[in-house]
Amino acid sequence: MVDKKAAALDRVFRALASSPRREILRRVARERRTVTELSGSFKMSLAAVSKHVRVLEDARLIAPTIEGRLHWCRLDRAPLKDARASIDELRAFWGTQLYGPERFLTGDTTTQKTPVRRKK
């Protein structure tokens, strides 16, 4: 059985793999927008933008609000925090793995891990 948290993280990374979806997230991060407003920013049909929005909603990156006939979208940052934590974990692991051969070749026997630099 696949861990629910891992499956959610897979959906986030799958959603982020698309350039139009990343641009949609940039736009709704600044202010909430309707799907119709979003579609005016792209050279694609309203139906195509709606499909991208559904993928982002499935990944819980967009929190939808429906007011009458308007479908509003706003960014939900929580899944991005989980994705960032996963990336930081991988960076820390691979940072220590990649410095291993260098330590061996230079005779460095310390087991101190290389600190991970984070963007601010």
N, C-alpha and C. Protein backbone atom coordinates (compact mmCIF):
# COMPACT_ATOMS: atom_id res chain seq x y z
N MET A 1 0.84 -1.18 0.00
CA MET A 1 0.00 0.00 0.00
C MET A 1 0.89 1.25 0.00
N VAL A 2 0.58 2.18 -0.86
CA VAL A 2 1.36 3.40 -0.98
C VAL A 2 0.99 4.34 0.16
N ASP A 3 2.00 4.90 0.79
CA ASP A 3 1.81 5.86 1.85
C ASP A 3 1.02 7.05 1.32
N LYS A 4 0.01 7.51 2.07
CA LYS A 4 -0.82 8.63 1.61
C LYS A 4 0.00 9.90 1.45
N LYS A 5 0.95 10.13 2.34
CA LYS A 5 1.78 11.33 2.24
C LYS A 5 2.66 11.28 0.98
N ALA A 6 3.19 10.10 0.68
CA ALA A 6 4.01 9.94 -0.52
C ALA A 6 3.16 10.15 -1.77
N ALA A 7 1.94 9.64 -1.78
CA ALA A 7 1.05 9.81 -2.94
C ALA A 7 0.70 11.28 -3.12
N ALA A 8 0.47 12.00 -2.03
CA ALA A 8 0.17 13.43 -2.11
C ALA A 8 1.38 14.19 -2.66
N LEU A 9 2.56 13.81 -2.21
CA LEU A 9 3.78 14.45 -2.70
C LEU A 9 3.99 14.18 -4.18
N ASP A 10 3.68 12.97 -4.62
CA ASP A 10 3.76 12.63 -6.05
C ASP A 10 2.84 13.53 -6.87
N ARG A 11 1.62 13.76 -6.37
CA ARG A 11 0.68 14.63 -7.09
C ARG A 11 1.21 16.06 -7.19
N VAL A 12 1.86 16.54 -6.11
CA VAL A 12 2.42 17.90 -6.12
C VAL A 12 3.52 18.00 -7.18
N PHE A 13 4.46 17.07 -7.16
CA PHE A 13 5.56 17.13 -8.13
C PHE A 13 5.06 16.94 -9.56
N ARG A 14 4.06 16.10 -9.74
CA ARG A 14 3.48 15.91 -11.08
C ARG A 14 2.84 17.22 -11.55
N ALA A 15 2.14 17.90 -10.65
CA ALA A 15 1.50 19.17 -11.00
C ALA A 15 2.54 20.24 -11.32
N LEU A 16 3.62 20.25 -10.57
CA LEU A 16 4.67 21.26 -10.77
C LEU A 16 5.52 20.99 -12.02
N ALA A 17 5.37 19.82 -12.61
CA ALA A 17 6.17 19.46 -13.78
C ALA A 17 5.73 20.18 -15.05
N SER A 18 4.63 20.91 -14.98
CA SER A 18 4.09 21.58 -16.16
C SER A 18 4.30 23.09 -16.06
N SER A 19 4.88 23.66 -17.10
CA SER A 19 5.12 25.10 -17.14
C SER A 19 3.84 25.93 -17.01
N PRO A 20 2.77 25.60 -17.74
CA PRO A 20 1.53 26.39 -17.57
C PRO A 20 0.98 26.31 -16.15
N ARG A 21 1.09 25.15 -15.52
CA ARG A 21 0.59 25.03 -14.14
C ARG A 21 1.43 25.86 -13.17
N ARG A 22 2.75 25.88 -13.38
CA ARG A 22 3.59 26.73 -12.53
C ARG A 22 3.24 28.19 -12.71
N GLU A 23 2.94 28.59 -13.93
CA GLU A 23 2.54 29.98 -14.19
C GLU A 23 1.20 30.29 -13.55
N ILE A 24 0.27 29.35 -13.60
CA ILE A 24 -1.02 29.54 -12.93
C ILE A 24 -0.79 29.76 -11.44
N LEU A 25 0.09 28.96 -10.84
CA LEU A 25 0.39 29.13 -9.42
C LEU A 25 0.99 30.50 -9.12
N ARG A 26 1.87 30.97 -9.98
CA ARG A 26 2.45 32.31 -9.79
C ARG A 26 1.35 33.37 -9.79
N ARG A 27 0.41 33.22 -10.69
CA ARG A 27 -0.66 34.22 -10.80
C ARG A 27 -1.61 34.19 -9.61
N VAL A 28 -1.96 33.00 -9.15
CA VAL A 28 -2.89 32.94 -8.02
C VAL A 28 -2.19 33.16 -6.68
N ALA A 29 -0.87 33.15 -6.68
CA ALA A 29 -0.12 33.45 -5.45
C ALA A 29 -0.26 34.93 -5.12
N ARG A 30 -0.34 35.77 -6.15
CA ARG A 30 -0.45 37.22 -5.94
C ARG A 30 -1.85 37.61 -5.47
N GLU A 31 -2.86 37.04 -6.11
CA GLU A 31 -4.25 37.32 -5.75
C GLU A 31 -5.14 36.22 -6.32
N ARG A 32 -6.27 36.01 -5.71
CA ARG A 32 -7.18 34.99 -6.22
C ARG A 32 -7.71 35.42 -7.57
N ARG A 33 -7.93 34.44 -8.42
CA ARG A 33 -8.40 34.71 -9.78
C ARG A 33 -9.42 33.66 -10.18
N THR A 34 -10.25 34.04 -11.13
CA THR A 34 -11.20 33.07 -11.66
C THR A 34 -10.51 32.28 -12.77
N VAL A 35 -11.07 31.14 -13.08
CA VAL A 35 -10.52 30.32 -14.17
C VAL A 35 -10.60 31.10 -15.47
N THR A 36 -11.67 31.85 -15.66
CA THR A 36 -11.81 32.66 -16.88
C THR A 36 -10.70 33.71 -16.95
N GLU A 37 -10.41 34.38 -15.84
CA GLU A 37 -9.31 35.35 -15.83
C GLU A 37 -7.98 34.67 -16.18
N LEU A 38 -7.76 33.51 -15.60
CA LEU A 38 -6.52 32.78 -15.88
C LEU A 38 -6.42 32.40 -17.35
N SER A 39 -7.53 31.99 -17.94
CA SER A 39 -7.49 31.54 -19.34
C SER A 39 -7.13 32.68 -20.28
N GLY A 40 -7.42 33.91 -19.90
CA GLY A 40 -7.07 35.05 -20.75
C GLY A 40 -5.58 35.31 -20.81
N SER A 41 -4.82 34.69 -19.90
CA SER A 41 -3.37 34.89 -19.84
C SER A 41 -2.60 33.85 -20.65
N PHE A 42 -3.29 32.89 -21.22
CA PHE A 42 -2.62 31.79 -21.92
C PHE A 42 -3.15 31.65 -23.34
N LYS A 43 -2.32 31.10 -24.19
CA LYS A 43 -2.74 30.82 -25.56
C LYS A 43 -3.29 29.41 -25.62
N MET A 44 -4.34 29.18 -24.83
CA MET A 44 -5.02 27.89 -24.83
C MET A 44 -6.48 28.13 -24.48
N SER A 45 -7.27 27.14 -24.72
CA SER A 45 -8.71 27.28 -24.49
C SER A 45 -9.04 27.29 -23.00
N LEU A 46 -10.23 27.78 -22.70
CA LEU A 46 -10.73 27.76 -21.32
C LEU A 46 -10.77 26.33 -20.79
N ALA A 47 -11.15 25.40 -21.65
CA ALA A 47 -11.21 23.98 -21.24
C ALA A 47 -9.82 23.46 -20.87
N ALA A 48 -8.80 23.85 -21.62
CA ALA A 48 -7.43 23.41 -21.33
C ALA A 48 -6.95 23.99 -20.01
N VAL A 49 -7.22 25.27 -19.78
CA VAL A 49 -6.84 25.89 -18.51
C VAL A 49 -7.58 25.23 -17.36
N SER A 50 -8.85 24.91 -17.57
CA SER A 50 -9.64 24.23 -16.53
C SER A 50 -9.04 22.89 -16.16
N LYS A 51 -8.53 22.17 -17.16
CA LYS A 51 -7.89 20.87 -16.88
C LYS A 51 -6.64 21.07 -16.03
N HIS A 52 -5.84 22.10 -16.35
CA HIS A 52 -4.65 22.39 -15.55
C HIS A 52 -5.04 22.76 -14.12
N VAL A 53 -6.09 23.54 -13.98
CA VAL A 53 -6.56 23.93 -12.65
C VAL A 53 -7.01 22.70 -11.86
N ARG A 54 -7.67 21.76 -12.53
CA ARG A 54 -8.11 20.54 -11.84
C ARG A 54 -6.92 19.73 -11.33
N VAL A 55 -5.85 19.67 -12.11
CA VAL A 55 -4.64 18.96 -11.68
C VAL A 55 -4.07 19.65 -10.44
N LEU A 56 -4.03 20.97 -10.46
CA LEU A 56 -3.52 21.72 -9.31
C LEU A 56 -4.42 21.56 -8.08
N GLU A 57 -5.73 21.49 -8.31
CA GLU A 57 -6.66 21.24 -7.20
C GLU A 57 -6.46 19.84 -6.64
N ASP A 58 -6.26 18.86 -7.51
CA ASP A 58 -6.04 17.48 -7.08
C ASP A 58 -4.78 17.38 -6.22
N ALA A 59 -3.79 18.20 -6.54
CA ALA A 59 -2.55 18.23 -5.75
C ALA A 59 -2.70 19.13 -4.52
N ARG A 60 -3.85 19.74 -4.39
CA ARG A 60 -4.17 20.65 -3.28
C ARG A 60 -3.30 21.90 -3.27
N LEU A 61 -2.77 22.25 -4.44
CA LEU A 61 -1.99 23.47 -4.57
C LEU A 61 -2.88 24.69 -4.77
N ILE A 62 -4.09 24.43 -5.25
CA ILE A 62 -5.08 25.49 -5.41
C ILE A 62 -6.29 25.15 -4.56
N ALA A 63 -6.70 26.15 -3.79
CA ALA A 63 -7.92 26.00 -2.99
C ALA A 63 -9.05 26.70 -3.75
N PRO A 64 -10.00 25.93 -4.25
CA PRO A 64 -11.08 26.53 -5.04
C PRO A 64 -12.20 27.08 -4.16
N THR A 65 -12.83 28.13 -4.64
CA THR A 65 -14.03 28.69 -4.01
C THR A 65 -15.01 28.96 -5.13
N ILE A 66 -16.23 28.49 -4.95
CA ILE A 66 -17.25 28.72 -5.98
C ILE A 66 -18.27 29.69 -5.43
N GLU A 67 -18.42 30.79 -6.14
CA GLU A 67 -19.41 31.82 -5.79
C GLU A 67 -20.32 31.99 -7.00
N GLY A 68 -21.48 31.42 -6.91
CA GLY A 68 -22.39 31.46 -8.05
C GLY A 68 -21.78 30.70 -9.22
N ARG A 69 -21.58 31.39 -10.32
CA ARG A 69 -20.99 30.76 -11.51
C ARG A 69 -19.48 30.98 -11.60
N LEU A 70 -18.93 31.71 -10.63
CA LEU A 70 -17.49 32.00 -10.65
C LEU A 70 -16.72 30.95 -9.86
N HIS A 71 -15.67 30.47 -10.48
CA HIS A 71 -14.80 29.46 -9.86
C HIS A 71 -13.48 30.18 -9.54
N TRP A 72 -13.30 30.55 -8.26
CA TRP A 72 -12.12 31.29 -7.83
C TRP A 72 -11.01 30.34 -7.43
N CYS A 73 -9.77 30.75 -7.69
CA CYS A 73 -8.60 29.95 -7.36
C CYS A 73 -7.65 30.79 -6.51
N ARG A 74 -7.13 30.18 -5.47
CA ARG A 74 -6.08 30.83 -4.68
C ARG A 74 -5.07 29.77 -4.30
N LEU A 75 -3.83 30.20 -4.11
CA LEU A 75 -2.74 29.29 -3.79
C LEU A 75 -2.86 28.77 -2.37
N ASP A 76 -2.63 27.49 -2.19
CA ASP A 76 -2.50 26.89 -0.86
C ASP A 76 -1.04 26.48 -0.73
N ARG A 77 -0.30 27.13 0.14
CA ARG A 77 1.15 26.92 0.25
C ARG A 77 1.54 25.65 1.01
N ALA A 78 0.64 25.04 1.74
CA ALA A 78 0.98 23.88 2.57
C ALA A 78 1.64 22.75 1.78
N PRO A 79 1.09 22.33 0.64
CA PRO A 79 1.75 21.24 -0.11
C PRO A 79 3.14 21.63 -0.61
N LEU A 80 3.36 22.92 -0.87
CA LEU A 80 4.68 23.37 -1.31
C LEU A 80 5.70 23.23 -0.18
N LYS A 81 5.24 23.45 1.05
CA LYS A 81 6.15 23.28 2.20
C LYS A 81 6.58 21.83 2.33
N ASP A 82 5.65 20.91 2.11
CA ASP A 82 5.99 19.48 2.16
C ASP A 82 6.96 19.12 1.05
N ALA A 83 6.75 19.68 -0.15
CA ALA A 83 7.64 19.40 -1.28
C ALA A 83 9.03 19.96 -0.99
N ARG A 84 9.08 21.15 -0.43
CA ARG A 84 10.38 21.76 -0.09
C ARG A 84 11.12 20.91 0.95
N ALA A 85 10.40 20.43 1.95
CA ALA A 85 11.02 19.59 2.97
C ALA A 85 11.59 18.32 2.34
N SER A 86 10.87 17.75 1.39
CA SER A 86 11.34 16.55 0.70
C SER A 86 12.61 16.85 -0.10
N ILE A 87 12.62 17.97 -0.79
CA ILE A 87 13.80 18.36 -1.57
C ILE A 87 14.99 18.62 -0.64
N ASP A 88 14.75 19.31 0.47
CA ASP A 88 15.83 19.58 1.43
C ASP A 88 16.42 18.28 1.98
N GLU A 89 15.54 17.32 2.24
CA GLU A 89 15.99 16.01 2.74
C GLU A 89 16.87 15.31 1.71
N LEU A 90 16.44 15.35 0.45
CA LEU A 90 17.23 14.74 -0.62
C LEU A 90 18.56 15.47 -0.81
N ARG A 91 18.53 16.79 -0.74
CA ARG A 91 19.75 17.58 -0.90
C ARG A 91 20.74 17.23 0.21
N ALA A 92 20.26 17.11 1.43
CA ALA A 92 21.14 16.77 2.55
C ALA A 92 21.75 15.38 2.35
N PHE A 93 20.93 14.42 1.93
CA PHE A 93 21.42 13.06 1.70
C PHE A 93 22.47 13.05 0.60
N TRP A 94 22.14 13.63 -0.57
CA TRP A 94 23.06 13.59 -1.69
C TRP A 94 24.29 14.45 -1.46
N GLY A 95 24.15 15.50 -0.67
CA GLY A 95 25.31 16.31 -0.33
C GLY A 95 26.35 15.51 0.42
N THR A 96 25.90 14.66 1.34
CA THR A 96 26.86 13.83 2.07
C THR A 96 27.38 12.69 1.20
N GLN A 97 26.55 12.18 0.31
CA GLN A 97 26.96 11.07 -0.56
C GLN A 97 28.00 11.54 -1.58
N LEU A 98 27.80 12.72 -2.12
CA LEU A 98 28.69 13.21 -3.16
C LEU A 98 30.04 13.65 -2.62
N TYR A 99 30.09 14.02 -1.35
CA TYR A 99 31.37 14.40 -0.77
C TYR A 99 32.14 13.19 -0.24
N GLY A 100 31.51 12.04 -0.19
CA GLY A 100 32.17 10.83 0.29
C GLY A 100 33.42 10.46 -0.48
N PRO A 101 33.36 10.36 -1.81
CA PRO A 101 34.57 10.03 -2.57
C PRO A 101 35.68 11.06 -2.39
N GLU A 102 35.30 12.34 -2.31
CA GLU A 102 36.31 13.39 -2.11
C GLU A 102 37.01 13.19 -0.77
N ARG A 103 36.26 12.89 0.27
CA ARG A 103 36.86 12.67 1.59
C ARG A 103 37.78 11.45 1.57
N PHE A 104 37.35 10.40 0.87
CA PHE A 104 38.17 9.20 0.78
C PHE A 104 39.50 9.50 0.09
N LEU A 105 39.42 10.22 -1.02
CA LEU A 105 40.62 10.52 -1.80
C LEU A 105 41.58 11.47 -1.08
N THR A 106 41.04 12.36 -0.27
CA THR A 106 41.90 13.31 0.44
C THR A 106 42.33 12.78 1.80
N GLY A 107 41.81 11.63 2.19
CA GLY A 107 42.18 11.04 3.48
C GLY A 107 41.45 11.65 4.65
N ASP A 108 40.41 12.42 4.39
CA ASP A 108 39.61 13.03 5.46
C ASP A 108 38.75 11.93 6.09
N THR A 109 39.00 11.63 7.34
CA THR A 109 38.25 10.56 8.02
C THR A 109 37.17 11.08 8.94
N THR A 110 36.93 12.40 8.93
CA THR A 110 35.87 12.94 9.79
C THR A 110 34.53 12.51 9.24
N THR A 111 33.58 12.38 10.10
CA THR A 111 32.24 11.98 9.69
C THR A 111 31.29 13.16 9.70
N GLN A 112 31.84 14.35 9.80
CA GLN A 112 31.01 15.54 9.83
C GLN A 112 30.31 15.71 8.50
N LYS A 113 29.02 15.98 8.57
CA LYS A 113 28.23 16.17 7.35
C LYS A 113 28.41 17.60 6.86
N THR A 114 28.34 17.75 5.56
CA THR A 114 28.43 19.06 4.95
C THR A 114 27.12 19.79 5.17
N PRO A 115 27.17 21.02 5.67
CA PRO A 115 25.92 21.76 5.91
C PRO A 115 25.21 22.07 4.61
N VAL A 116 23.90 22.06 4.66
CA VAL A 116 23.08 22.35 3.50
C VAL A 116 22.75 23.83 3.51
N ARG A 117 23.05 24.51 2.40
CA ARG A 117 22.71 25.92 2.29
C ARG A 117 21.28 26.04 1.79
N ARG A 118 20.53 26.91 2.42
CA ARG A 118 19.14 27.10 2.03
C ARG A 118 18.95 28.50 1.48
N LYS A 119 18.13 28.60 0.45
CA LYS A 119 17.79 29.90 -0.10
C LYS A 119 16.82 30.59 0.84
N LYS A 120 16.95 31.86 0.93
CA LYS A 120 16.01 32.63 1.78
C LYS A 120 15.13 33.49 0.95
